[in-house]
Amino acid sequence: MRRMYAAFAAILLAFGATAVSADTASAYAYNCTTGYSSLGAWAKCVSGTGQYRVAVLCQNIFTRSSRNVYGQWVTPSSTSVSVVPGCGTWLEAYYGTPRATSGQ
């Protein structure tokens, strides 16, 4: 019985160490603003590490089906902006608010 508790404790300790190391290795952009302009949907993050990009929903004007469209990956700074210039076809239009997504 004591061995079973020791094995269980070892598993929990190993899992906890993995979760902590994975979390501390993550990089996120923050302090972001998003919107639309004549260039398209955009996102700008001025703080954080790693990279981010803009994500926006494009919806078919007839069928109302939708898909996510993403901008290029950029590094947070006061001069970098991620842009989606359009949905791709005249049948689609932006829908909702663009968002900044971190992760690379």
PDB file of N, CA and C in Angstrom:
ATOM      1  N   MET A   1       0.824  -1.180   0.000  1.00  0.00           N
ATOM      2  CA  MET A   1       0.000   0.000   0.000  1.00  0.00           C
ATOM      3  C   MET A   1       0.877   1.256   0.000  1.00  0.00           C
ATOM      4  N   ARG A   2       1.961   1.215   0.755  1.00  0.00           N
ATOM      5  CA  ARG A   2       2.849   2.355   0.837  1.00  0.00           C
ATOM      6  C   ARG A   2       3.509   2.616  -0.520  1.00  0.00           C
ATOM      7  N   ARG A   3       3.841   1.553  -1.247  1.00  0.00           N
ATOM      8  CA  ARG A   3       4.440   1.703  -2.571  1.00  0.00           C
ATOM      9  C   ARG A   3       3.453   2.348  -3.547  1.00  0.00           C
ATOM     10  N   MET A   4       2.191   1.981  -3.413  1.00  0.00           N
ATOM     11  CA  MET A   4       1.186   2.552  -4.299  1.00  0.00           C
ATOM     12  C   MET A   4       1.072   4.066  -4.070  1.00  0.00           C
ATOM     13  N   TYR A   5       1.075   4.499  -2.810  1.00  0.00           N
ATOM     14  CA  TYR A   5       1.029   5.921  -2.512  1.00  0.00           C
ATOM     15  C   TYR A   5       2.275   6.634  -3.010  1.00  0.00           C
ATOM     16  N   ALA A   6       3.419   6.000  -2.869  1.00  0.00           N
ATOM     17  CA  ALA A   6       4.670   6.597  -3.336  1.00  0.00           C
ATOM     18  C   ALA A   6       4.661   6.739  -4.859  1.00  0.00           C
ATOM     19  N   ALA A   7       4.163   5.736  -5.562  1.00  0.00           N
ATOM     20  CA  ALA A   7       4.078   5.800  -7.018  1.00  0.00           C
ATOM     21  C   ALA A   7       3.101   6.888  -7.445  1.00  0.00           C
ATOM     22  N   PHE A   8       1.968   6.976  -6.762  1.00  0.00           N
ATOM     23  CA  PHE A   8       0.984   8.002  -7.072  1.00  0.00           C
ATOM     24  C   PHE A   8       1.558   9.401  -6.841  1.00  0.00           C
ATOM     25  N   ALA A   9       2.281   9.577  -5.742  1.00  0.00           N
ATOM     26  CA  ALA A   9       2.903  10.867  -5.444  1.00  0.00           C
ATOM     27  C   ALA A   9       3.950  11.217  -6.496  1.00  0.00           C
ATOM     28  N   ALA A  10       4.715  10.225  -6.950  1.00  0.00           N
ATOM     29  CA  ALA A  10       5.725  10.470  -7.982  1.00  0.00           C
ATOM     30  C   ALA A  10       5.077  10.907  -9.292  1.00  0.00           C
ATOM     31  N   ILE A  11       3.959  10.290  -9.643  1.00  0.00           N
ATOM     32  CA  ILE A  11       3.247  10.660 -10.869  1.00  0.00           C
ATOM     33  C   ILE A  11       2.719  12.089 -10.761  1.00  0.00           C
ATOM     34  N   LEU A  12       2.114  12.422  -9.626  1.00  0.00           N
ATOM     35  CA  LEU A  12       1.602  13.776  -9.440  1.00  0.00           C
ATOM     36  C   LEU A  12       2.723  14.806  -9.477  1.00  0.00           C
ATOM     37  N   LEU A  13       3.850  14.508  -8.874  1.00  0.00           N
ATOM     38  CA  LEU A  13       4.984  15.421  -8.871  1.00  0.00           C
ATOM     39  C   LEU A  13       5.525  15.607 -10.284  1.00  0.00           C
ATOM     40  N   ALA A  14       5.636  14.529 -11.035  1.00  0.00           N
ATOM     41  CA  ALA A  14       6.123  14.626 -12.410  1.00  0.00           C
ATOM     42  C   ALA A  14       5.168  15.440 -13.266  1.00  0.00           C
ATOM     43  N   PHE A  15       3.870  15.220 -13.110  1.00  0.00           N
ATOM     44  CA  PHE A  15       2.881  15.978 -13.878  1.00  0.00           C
ATOM     45  C   PHE A  15       2.933  17.453 -13.520  1.00  0.00           C
ATOM     46  N   GLY A  16       3.033  17.746 -12.232  1.00  0.00           N
ATOM     47  CA  GLY A  16       3.104  19.136 -11.789  1.00  0.00           C
ATOM     48  C   GLY A  16       4.336  19.844 -12.316  1.00  0.00           C
ATOM     49  N   ALA A  17       5.472  19.171 -12.340  1.00  0.00           N
ATOM     50  CA  ALA A  17       6.700  19.770 -12.859  1.00  0.00           C
ATOM     51  C   ALA A  17       6.576  20.026 -14.356  1.00  0.00           C
ATOM     52  N   THR A  18       5.934  19.115 -15.076  1.00  0.00           N
ATOM     53  CA  THR A  18       5.732  19.298 -16.510  1.00  0.00           C
ATOM     54  C   THR A  18       4.817  20.477 -16.776  1.00  0.00           C
ATOM     55  N   ALA A  19       3.734  20.576 -16.026  1.00  0.00           N
ATOM     56  CA  ALA A  19       2.788  21.663 -16.241  1.00  0.00           C
ATOM     57  C   ALA A  19       3.431  23.015 -15.954  1.00  0.00           C
ATOM     58  N   VAL A  20       4.250  23.103 -14.900  1.00  0.00           N
ATOM     59  CA  VAL A  20       4.904  24.357 -14.568  1.00  0.00           C
ATOM     60  C   VAL A  20       5.918  24.729 -15.631  1.00  0.00           C
ATOM     61  N   SER A  21       6.709  23.777 -16.102  1.00  0.00           N
ATOM     62  CA  SER A  21       7.721  24.101 -17.094  1.00  0.00           C
ATOM     63  C   SER A  21       7.087  24.475 -18.421  1.00  0.00           C
ATOM     64  N   ALA A  22       5.975  23.861 -18.786  1.00  0.00           N
ATOM     65  CA  ALA A  22       5.307  24.210 -20.042  1.00  0.00           C
ATOM     66  C   ALA A  22       4.721  25.613 -19.949  1.00  0.00           C
ATOM     67  N   ASP A  23       4.167  25.965 -18.803  1.00  0.00           N
ATOM     68  CA  ASP A  23       3.554  27.270 -18.645  1.00  0.00           C
ATOM     69  C   ASP A  23       4.597  28.380 -18.669  1.00  0.00           C
ATOM     70  N   THR A  24       5.731  28.178 -18.023  1.00  0.00           N
ATOM     71  CA  THR A  24       6.740  29.219 -17.974  1.00  0.00           C
ATOM     72  C   THR A  24       7.453  29.379 -19.307  1.00  0.00           C
ATOM     73  N   ALA A  25       7.390  28.375 -20.176  1.00  0.00           N
ATOM     74  CA  ALA A  25       8.039  28.476 -21.473  1.00  0.00           C
ATOM     75  C   ALA A  25       7.156  29.169 -22.501  1.00  0.00           C
ATOM     76  N   SER A  26       5.885  29.378 -22.195  1.00  0.00           N
ATOM     77  CA  SER A  26       4.977  29.992 -23.145  1.00  0.00           C
ATOM     78  C   SER A  26       5.283  31.480 -23.299  1.00  0.00           C
ATOM     79  N   ALA A  27       5.061  31.981 -24.508  1.00  0.00           N
ATOM     80  CA  ALA A  27       5.276  33.394 -24.784  1.00  0.00           C
ATOM     81  C   ALA A  27       3.979  33.984 -25.326  1.00  0.00           C
ATOM     82  N   TYR A  28       3.589  35.118 -24.774  1.00  0.00           N
ATOM     83  CA  TYR A  28       2.338  35.734 -25.177  1.00  0.00           C
ATOM     84  C   TYR A  28       2.520  37.219 -25.439  1.00  0.00           C
ATOM     85  N   ALA A  29       1.834  37.692 -26.460  1.00  0.00           N
ATOM     86  CA  ALA A  29       1.752  39.124 -26.719  1.00  0.00           C
ATOM     87  C   ALA A  29       0.562  39.674 -25.944  1.00  0.00           C
ATOM     88  N   TYR A  30       0.661  40.900 -25.480  1.00  0.00           N
ATOM     89  CA  TYR A  30      -0.447  41.525 -24.775  1.00  0.00           C
ATOM     90  C   TYR A  30      -0.417  43.029 -25.020  1.00  0.00           C
ATOM     91  N   ASN A  31      -1.351  43.724 -24.416  1.00  0.00           N
ATOM     92  CA  ASN A  31      -1.522  45.145 -24.664  1.00  0.00           C
ATOM     93  C   ASN A  31      -1.836  45.366 -26.151  1.00  0.00           C
ATOM     94  N   CYS A  32      -2.879  44.660 -26.618  1.00  0.00           N
ATOM     95  CA  CYS A  32      -3.229  44.626 -28.047  1.00  0.00           C
ATOM     96  C   CYS A  32      -4.459  45.475 -28.347  1.00  0.00           C
ATOM     97  N   THR A  33      -4.479  46.026 -29.549  1.00  0.00           N
ATOM     98  CA  THR A  33      -5.657  46.699 -30.079  1.00  0.00           C
ATOM     99  C   THR A  33      -5.965  46.085 -31.438  1.00  0.00           C
ATOM    100  N   THR A  34      -7.234  46.070 -31.814  1.00  0.00           N
ATOM    101  CA  THR A  34      -7.646  45.499 -33.092  1.00  0.00           C
ATOM    102  C   THR A  34      -8.685  46.402 -33.735  1.00  0.00           C
ATOM    103  N   GLY A  35      -8.907  46.202 -35.026  1.00  0.00           N
ATOM    104  CA  GLY A  35      -9.932  46.980 -35.702  1.00  0.00           C
ATOM    105  C   GLY A  35      -9.920  46.741 -37.196  1.00  0.00           C
ATOM    106  N   TYR A  36     -10.633  47.595 -37.899  1.00  0.00           N
ATOM    107  CA  TYR A  36     -10.695  47.565 -39.356  1.00  0.00           C
ATOM    108  C   TYR A  36     -10.199  48.895 -39.891  1.00  0.00           C
ATOM    109  N   SER A  37      -9.561  48.870 -41.047  1.00  0.00           N
ATOM    110  CA  SER A  37      -9.130  50.083 -41.736  1.00  0.00           C
ATOM    111  C   SER A  37      -9.271  49.857 -43.233  1.00  0.00           C
ATOM    112  N   SER A  38      -8.798  50.795 -44.026  1.00  0.00           N
ATOM    113  CA  SER A  38      -8.841  50.620 -45.478  1.00  0.00           C
ATOM    114  C   SER A  38      -7.937  49.477 -45.927  1.00  0.00           C
ATOM    115  N   LEU A  39      -6.998  49.058 -45.069  1.00  0.00           N
ATOM    116  CA  LEU A  39      -6.116  47.925 -45.381  1.00  0.00           C
ATOM    117  C   LEU A  39      -6.753  46.581 -45.074  1.00  0.00           C
ATOM    118  N   GLY A  40      -7.791  46.573 -44.247  1.00  0.00           N
ATOM    119  CA  GLY A  40      -8.450  45.332 -43.845  1.00  0.00           C
ATOM    120  C   GLY A  40      -8.525  45.229 -42.334  1.00  0.00           C
ATOM    121  N   ALA A  41      -8.660  43.996 -41.834  1.00  0.00           N
ATOM    122  CA  ALA A  41      -8.674  43.751 -40.388  1.00  0.00           C
ATOM    123  C   ALA A  41      -7.235  43.786 -39.892  1.00  0.00           C
ATOM    124  N   TRP A  42      -7.006  44.356 -38.720  1.00  0.00           N
ATOM    125  CA  TRP A  42      -5.646  44.474 -38.209  1.00  0.00           C
ATOM    126  C   TRP A  42      -5.598  44.243 -36.703  1.00  0.00           C
ATOM    127  N   ALA A  43      -4.402  43.891 -36.230  1.00  0.00           N
ATOM    128  CA  ALA A  43      -4.126  43.766 -34.798  1.00  0.00           C
ATOM    129  C   ALA A  43      -2.733  44.315 -34.547  1.00  0.00           C
ATOM    130  N   LYS A  44      -2.581  45.006 -33.422  1.00  0.00           N
ATOM    131  CA  LYS A  44      -1.285  45.554 -33.032  1.00  0.00           C
ATOM    132  C   LYS A  44      -1.073  45.307 -31.550  1.00  0.00           C
ATOM    133  N   CYS A  45      -0.003  44.592 -31.213  1.00  0.00           N
ATOM    134  CA  CYS A  45       0.371  44.332 -29.818  1.00  0.00           C
ATOM    135  C   CYS A  45       1.710  45.002 -29.562  1.00  0.00           C
ATOM    136  N   VAL A  46       1.820  45.734 -28.463  1.00  0.00           N
ATOM    137  CA  VAL A  46       3.050  46.472 -28.189  1.00  0.00           C
ATOM    138  C   VAL A  46       3.863  45.883 -27.042  1.00  0.00           C
ATOM    139  N   SER A  47       3.345  44.856 -26.374  1.00  0.00           N
ATOM    140  CA  SER A  47       4.057  44.266 -25.240  1.00  0.00           C
ATOM    141  C   SER A  47       4.073  42.750 -25.351  1.00  0.00           C
ATOM    142  N   GLY A  48       5.024  42.138 -24.663  1.00  0.00           N
ATOM    143  CA  GLY A  48       5.096  40.689 -24.614  1.00  0.00           C
ATOM    144  C   GLY A  48       6.235  40.132 -25.445  1.00  0.00           C
ATOM    145  N   THR A  49       6.269  38.814 -25.512  1.00  0.00           N
ATOM    146  CA  THR A  49       7.310  38.123 -26.266  1.00  0.00           C
ATOM    147  C   THR A  49       6.645  37.140 -27.217  1.00  0.00           C
ATOM    148  N   GLY A  50       7.431  36.472 -28.019  1.00  0.00           N
ATOM    149  CA  GLY A  50       6.860  35.533 -28.976  1.00  0.00           C
ATOM    150  C   GLY A  50       6.307  36.290 -30.167  1.00  0.00           C
ATOM    151  N   GLN A  51       5.298  35.712 -30.802  1.00  0.00           N
ATOM    152  CA  GLN A  51       4.677  36.349 -31.956  1.00  0.00           C
ATOM    153  C   GLN A  51       3.162  36.280 -31.850  1.00  0.00           C
ATOM    154  N   TYR A  52       2.485  37.115 -32.613  1.00  0.00           N
ATOM    155  CA  TYR A  52       1.029  37.132 -32.650  1.00  0.00           C
ATOM    156  C   TYR A  52       0.597  37.385 -34.095  1.00  0.00           C
ATOM    157  N   ARG A  53      -0.706  37.184 -34.353  1.00  0.00           N
ATOM    158  CA  ARG A  53      -1.285  37.516 -35.651  1.00  0.00           C
ATOM    159  C   ARG A  53      -2.755  37.867 -35.465  1.00  0.00           C
ATOM    160  N   VAL A  54      -3.308  38.537 -36.447  1.00  0.00           N
ATOM    161  CA  VAL A  54      -4.720  38.883 -36.392  1.00  0.00           C
ATOM    162  C   VAL A  54      -5.535  37.696 -36.896  1.00  0.00           C
ATOM    163  N   ALA A  55      -6.681  37.491 -36.297  1.00  0.00           N
ATOM    164  CA  ALA A  55      -7.641  36.476 -36.746  1.00  0.00           C
ATOM    165  C   ALA A  55      -8.991  37.157 -36.872  1.00  0.00           C
ATOM    166  N   VAL A  56      -9.685  36.877 -37.967  1.00  0.00           N
ATOM    167  CA  VAL A  56     -10.995  37.491 -38.190  1.00  0.00           C
ATOM    168  C   VAL A  56     -11.900  36.465 -38.864  1.00  0.00           C
ATOM    169  N   LEU A  57     -13.173  36.566 -38.580  1.00  0.00           N
ATOM    170  CA  LEU A  57     -14.155  35.652 -39.165  1.00  0.00           C
ATOM    171  C   LEU A  57     -14.658  36.241 -40.481  1.00  0.00           C
ATOM    172  N   CYS A  58     -14.639  35.425 -41.532  1.00  0.00           N
ATOM    173  CA  CYS A  58     -15.203  35.811 -42.825  1.00  0.00           C
ATOM    174  C   CYS A  58     -16.445  34.960 -43.058  1.00  0.00           C
ATOM    175  N   GLN A  59     -17.533  35.622 -43.447  1.00  0.00           N
ATOM    176  CA  GLN A  59     -18.810  34.930 -43.609  1.00  0.00           C
ATOM    177  C   GLN A  59     -19.318  35.080 -45.046  1.00  0.00           C
ATOM    178  N   ASN A  60     -19.800  33.965 -45.608  1.00  0.00           N
ATOM    179  CA  ASN A  60     -20.406  33.979 -46.936  1.00  0.00           C
ATOM    180  C   ASN A  60     -21.707  34.782 -46.859  1.00  0.00           C
ATOM    181  N   ILE A  61     -21.887  35.722 -47.774  1.00  0.00           N
ATOM    182  CA  ILE A  61     -23.058  36.608 -47.689  1.00  0.00           C
ATOM    183  C   ILE A  61     -24.358  35.908 -48.060  1.00  0.00           C
ATOM    184  N   PHE A  62     -24.289  34.760 -48.733  1.00  0.00           N
ATOM    185  CA  PHE A  62     -25.506  34.043 -49.111  1.00  0.00           C
ATOM    186  C   PHE A  62     -25.820  32.877 -48.171  1.00  0.00           C
ATOM    187  N   THR A  63     -24.828  32.030 -47.910  1.00  0.00           N
ATOM    188  CA  THR A  63     -25.065  30.823 -47.115  1.00  0.00           C
ATOM    189  C   THR A  63     -24.866  31.046 -45.625  1.00  0.00           C
ATOM    190  N   ARG A  64     -24.213  32.143 -45.249  1.00  0.00           N
ATOM    191  CA  ARG A  64     -23.879  32.461 -43.851  1.00  0.00           C
ATOM    192  C   ARG A  64     -22.872  31.488 -43.237  1.00  0.00           C
ATOM    193  N   SER A  65     -22.261  30.631 -44.046  1.00  0.00           N
ATOM    194  CA  SER A  65     -21.178  29.797 -43.513  1.00  0.00           C
ATOM    195  C   SER A  65     -19.965  30.703 -43.294  1.00  0.00           C
ATOM    196  N   SER A  66     -19.115  30.336 -42.352  1.00  0.00           N
ATOM    197  CA  SER A  66     -18.004  31.215 -42.005  1.00  0.00           C
ATOM    198  C   SER A  66     -16.712  30.418 -41.816  1.00  0.00           C
ATOM    199  N   ARG A  67     -15.613  31.150 -41.860  1.00  0.00           N
ATOM    200  CA  ARG A  67     -14.290  30.554 -41.648  1.00  0.00           C
ATOM    201  C   ARG A  67     -13.376  31.623 -41.060  1.00  0.00           C
ATOM    202  N   ASN A  68     -12.362  31.183 -40.326  1.00  0.00           N
ATOM    203  CA  ASN A  68     -11.368  32.099 -39.784  1.00  0.00           C
ATOM    204  C   ASN A  68     -10.296  32.360 -40.827  1.00  0.00           C
ATOM    205  N   VAL A  69      -9.864  33.599 -40.911  1.00  0.00           N
ATOM    206  CA  VAL A  69      -8.772  34.007 -41.783  1.00  0.00           C
ATOM    207  C   VAL A  69      -7.728  34.672 -40.898  1.00  0.00           C
ATOM    208  N   TYR A  70      -6.452  34.401 -41.175  1.00  0.00           N
ATOM    209  CA  TYR A  70      -5.370  34.861 -40.308  1.00  0.00           C
ATOM    210  C   TYR A  70      -4.386  35.742 -41.066  1.00  0.00           C
ATOM    211  N   GLY A  71      -3.813  36.706 -40.348  1.00  0.00           N
ATOM    212  CA  GLY A  71      -2.753  37.551 -40.894  1.00  0.00           C
ATOM    213  C   GLY A  71      -1.395  36.919 -40.668  1.00  0.00           C
ATOM    214  N   GLN A  72      -0.366  37.650 -41.010  1.00  0.00           N
ATOM    215  CA  GLN A  72       1.001  37.152 -40.857  1.00  0.00           C
ATOM    216  C   GLN A  72       1.435  37.228 -39.389  1.00  0.00           C
ATOM    217  N   TRP A  73       2.386  36.356 -39.023  1.00  0.00           N
ATOM    218  CA  TRP A  73       2.949  36.371 -37.673  1.00  0.00           C
ATOM    219  C   TRP A  73       3.905  37.556 -37.569  1.00  0.00           C
ATOM    220  N   VAL A  74       3.789  38.331 -36.495  1.00  0.00           N
ATOM    221  CA  VAL A  74       4.697  39.451 -36.243  1.00  0.00           C
ATOM    222  C   VAL A  74       5.074  39.465 -34.767  1.00  0.00           C
ATOM    223  N   THR A  75       6.164  40.159 -34.461  1.00  0.00           N
ATOM    224  CA  THR A  75       6.664  40.297 -33.089  1.00  0.00           C
ATOM    225  C   THR A  75       6.087  41.573 -32.476  1.00  0.00           C
ATOM    226  N   PRO A  76       5.678  41.535 -31.217  1.00  0.00           N
ATOM    227  CA  PRO A  76       5.129  42.746 -30.595  1.00  0.00           C
ATOM    228  C   PRO A  76       6.133  43.899 -30.601  1.00  0.00           C
ATOM    229  N   SER A  77       5.692  45.048 -31.063  1.00  0.00           N
ATOM    230  CA  SER A  77       6.492  46.273 -31.013  1.00  0.00           C
ATOM    231  C   SER A  77       5.574  47.445 -31.328  1.00  0.00           C
ATOM    232  N   SER A  78       6.110  48.629 -31.240  1.00  0.00           N
ATOM    233  CA  SER A  78       5.287  49.809 -31.515  1.00  0.00           C
ATOM    234  C   SER A  78       5.081  50.028 -33.007  1.00  0.00           C
ATOM    235  N   THR A  79       5.798  49.304 -33.859  1.00  0.00           N
ATOM    236  CA  THR A  79       5.675  49.529 -35.302  1.00  0.00           C
ATOM    237  C   THR A  79       5.128  48.341 -36.085  1.00  0.00           C
ATOM    238  N   SER A  80       4.991  47.160 -35.486  1.00  0.00           N
ATOM    239  CA  SER A  80       4.541  45.983 -36.237  1.00  0.00           C
ATOM    240  C   SER A  80       3.022  45.815 -36.130  1.00  0.00           C
ATOM    241  N   VAL A  81       2.393  45.529 -37.268  1.00  0.00           N
ATOM    242  CA  VAL A  81       0.948  45.334 -37.338  1.00  0.00           C
ATOM    243  C   VAL A  81       0.681  44.099 -38.198  1.00  0.00           C
ATOM    244  N   SER A  82      -0.210  43.230 -37.754  1.00  0.00           N
ATOM    245  CA  SER A  82      -0.626  42.069 -38.534  1.00  0.00           C
ATOM    246  C   SER A  82      -1.935  42.428 -39.236  1.00  0.00           C
ATOM    247  N   VAL A  83      -2.009  42.151 -40.545  1.00  0.00           N
ATOM    248  CA  VAL A  83      -3.163  42.584 -41.342  1.00  0.00           C
ATOM    249  C   VAL A  83      -3.725  41.419 -42.151  1.00  0.00           C
ATOM    250  N   VAL A  84      -5.057  41.341 -42.243  1.00  0.00           N
ATOM    251  CA  VAL A  84      -5.753  40.466 -43.189  1.00  0.00           C
ATOM    252  C   VAL A  84      -6.371  41.402 -44.230  1.00  0.00           C
ATOM    253  N   PRO A  85      -5.838  41.420 -45.465  1.00  0.00           N
ATOM    254  CA  PRO A  85      -6.311  42.399 -46.440  1.00  0.00           C
ATOM    255  C   PRO A  85      -7.716  42.147 -46.976  1.00  0.00           C
ATOM    256  N   GLY A  86      -8.256  40.975 -46.809  1.00  0.00           N
ATOM    257  CA  GLY A  86      -9.602  40.691 -47.292  1.00  0.00           C
ATOM    258  C   GLY A  86      -9.955  39.247 -47.036  1.00  0.00           C
ATOM    259  N   CYS A  87     -11.212  38.922 -47.256  1.00  0.00           N
ATOM    260  CA  CYS A  87     -11.669  37.558 -47.002  1.00  0.00           C
ATOM    261  C   CYS A  87     -11.322  36.596 -48.130  1.00  0.00           C
ATOM    262  N   GLY A  88     -11.030  37.090 -49.302  1.00  0.00           N
ATOM    263  CA  GLY A  88     -10.612  36.189 -50.368  1.00  0.00           C
ATOM    264  C   GLY A  88     -11.510  36.204 -51.588  1.00  0.00           C
ATOM    265  N   THR A  89     -12.815  36.306 -51.400  1.00  0.00           N
ATOM    266  CA  THR A  89     -13.730  36.351 -52.546  1.00  0.00           C
ATOM    267  C   THR A  89     -14.782  37.415 -52.300  1.00  0.00           C
ATOM    268  N   TRP A  90     -15.447  37.833 -53.360  1.00  0.00           N
ATOM    269  CA  TRP A  90     -16.489  38.848 -53.218  1.00  0.00           C
ATOM    270  C   TRP A  90     -17.721  38.297 -52.499  1.00  0.00           C
ATOM    271  N   LEU A  91     -17.815  36.945 -52.383  1.00  0.00           N
ATOM    272  CA  LEU A  91     -18.948  36.329 -51.689  1.00  0.00           C
ATOM    273  C   LEU A  91     -18.837  36.404 -50.171  1.00  0.00           C
ATOM    274  N   GLU A  92     -17.666  36.821 -49.668  1.00  0.00           N
ATOM    275  CA  GLU A  92     -17.443  36.826 -48.226  1.00  0.00           C
ATOM    276  C   GLU A  92     -17.245  38.242 -47.706  1.00  0.00           C
ATOM    277  N   ALA A  93     -17.639  38.439 -46.463  1.00  0.00           N
ATOM    278  CA  ALA A  93     -17.460  39.727 -45.797  1.00  0.00           C
ATOM    279  C   ALA A  93     -16.968  39.472 -44.377  1.00  0.00           C
ATOM    280  N   TYR A  94     -16.231  40.450 -43.826  1.00  0.00           N
ATOM    281  CA  TYR A  94     -15.825  40.346 -42.435  1.00  0.00           C
ATOM    282  C   TYR A  94     -17.056  40.241 -41.551  1.00  0.00           C
ATOM    283  N   TYR A  95     -16.923  39.471 -40.468  1.00  0.00           N
ATOM    284  CA  TYR A  95     -18.027  39.315 -39.527  1.00  0.00           C
ATOM    285  C   TYR A  95     -17.464  39.359 -38.116  1.00  0.00           C
ATOM    286  N   GLY A  96     -17.940  40.256 -37.300  1.00  0.00           N
ATOM    287  CA  GLY A  96     -17.483  40.340 -35.916  1.00  0.00           C
ATOM    288  C   GLY A  96     -16.248  41.201 -35.763  1.00  0.00           C
ATOM    289  N   THR A  97     -15.635  41.068 -34.616  1.00  0.00           N
ATOM    290  CA  THR A  97     -14.466  41.870 -34.253  1.00  0.00           C
ATOM    291  C   THR A  97     -13.186  41.065 -34.454  1.00  0.00           C
ATOM    292  N   PRO A  98     -12.174  41.649 -35.095  1.00  0.00           N
ATOM    293  CA  PRO A  98     -10.905  40.930 -35.209  1.00  0.00           C
ATOM    294  C   PRO A  98     -10.277  40.730 -33.830  1.00  0.00           C
ATOM    295  N   ARG A  99      -9.403  39.742 -33.710  1.00  0.00           N
ATOM    296  CA  ARG A  99      -8.735  39.481 -32.430  1.00  0.00           C
ATOM    297  C   ARG A  99      -7.264  39.162 -32.693  1.00  0.00           C
ATOM    298  N   ALA A 100      -6.443  39.416 -31.710  1.00  0.00           N
ATOM    299  CA  ALA A 100      -5.028  39.065 -31.777  1.00  0.00           C
ATOM    300  C   ALA A 100      -4.851  37.696 -31.149  1.00  0.00           C
ATOM    301  N   THR A 101      -4.133  36.811 -31.831  1.00  0.00           N
ATOM    302  CA  THR A 101      -3.881  35.479 -31.301  1.00  0.00           C
ATOM    303  C   THR A 101      -2.391  35.267 -31.149  1.00  0.00           C
ATOM    304  N   SER A 102      -1.955  34.848 -29.965  1.00  0.00           N
ATOM    305  CA  SER A 102      -0.552  34.556 -29.706  1.00  0.00           C
ATOM    306  C   SER A 102      -0.278  33.093 -29.951  1.00  0.00           C
ATOM    307  N   GLY A 103       0.989  32.756 -30.046  1.00  0.00           N
ATOM    308  CA  GLY A 103       1.259  31.340 -30.084  1.00  0.00           C
ATOM    309  C   GLY A 103       2.458  30.870 -30.820  1.00  0.00           C
ATOM    310  N   GLN A 104       3.164  31.680 -31.553  1.00  0.00           N
ATOM    311  CA  GLN A 104       4.303  31.122 -32.285  1.00  0.00           C
ATOM    312  C   GLN A 104       5.581  31.632 -31.705  1.00  0.00           C
TER     313      GLN A 104
END
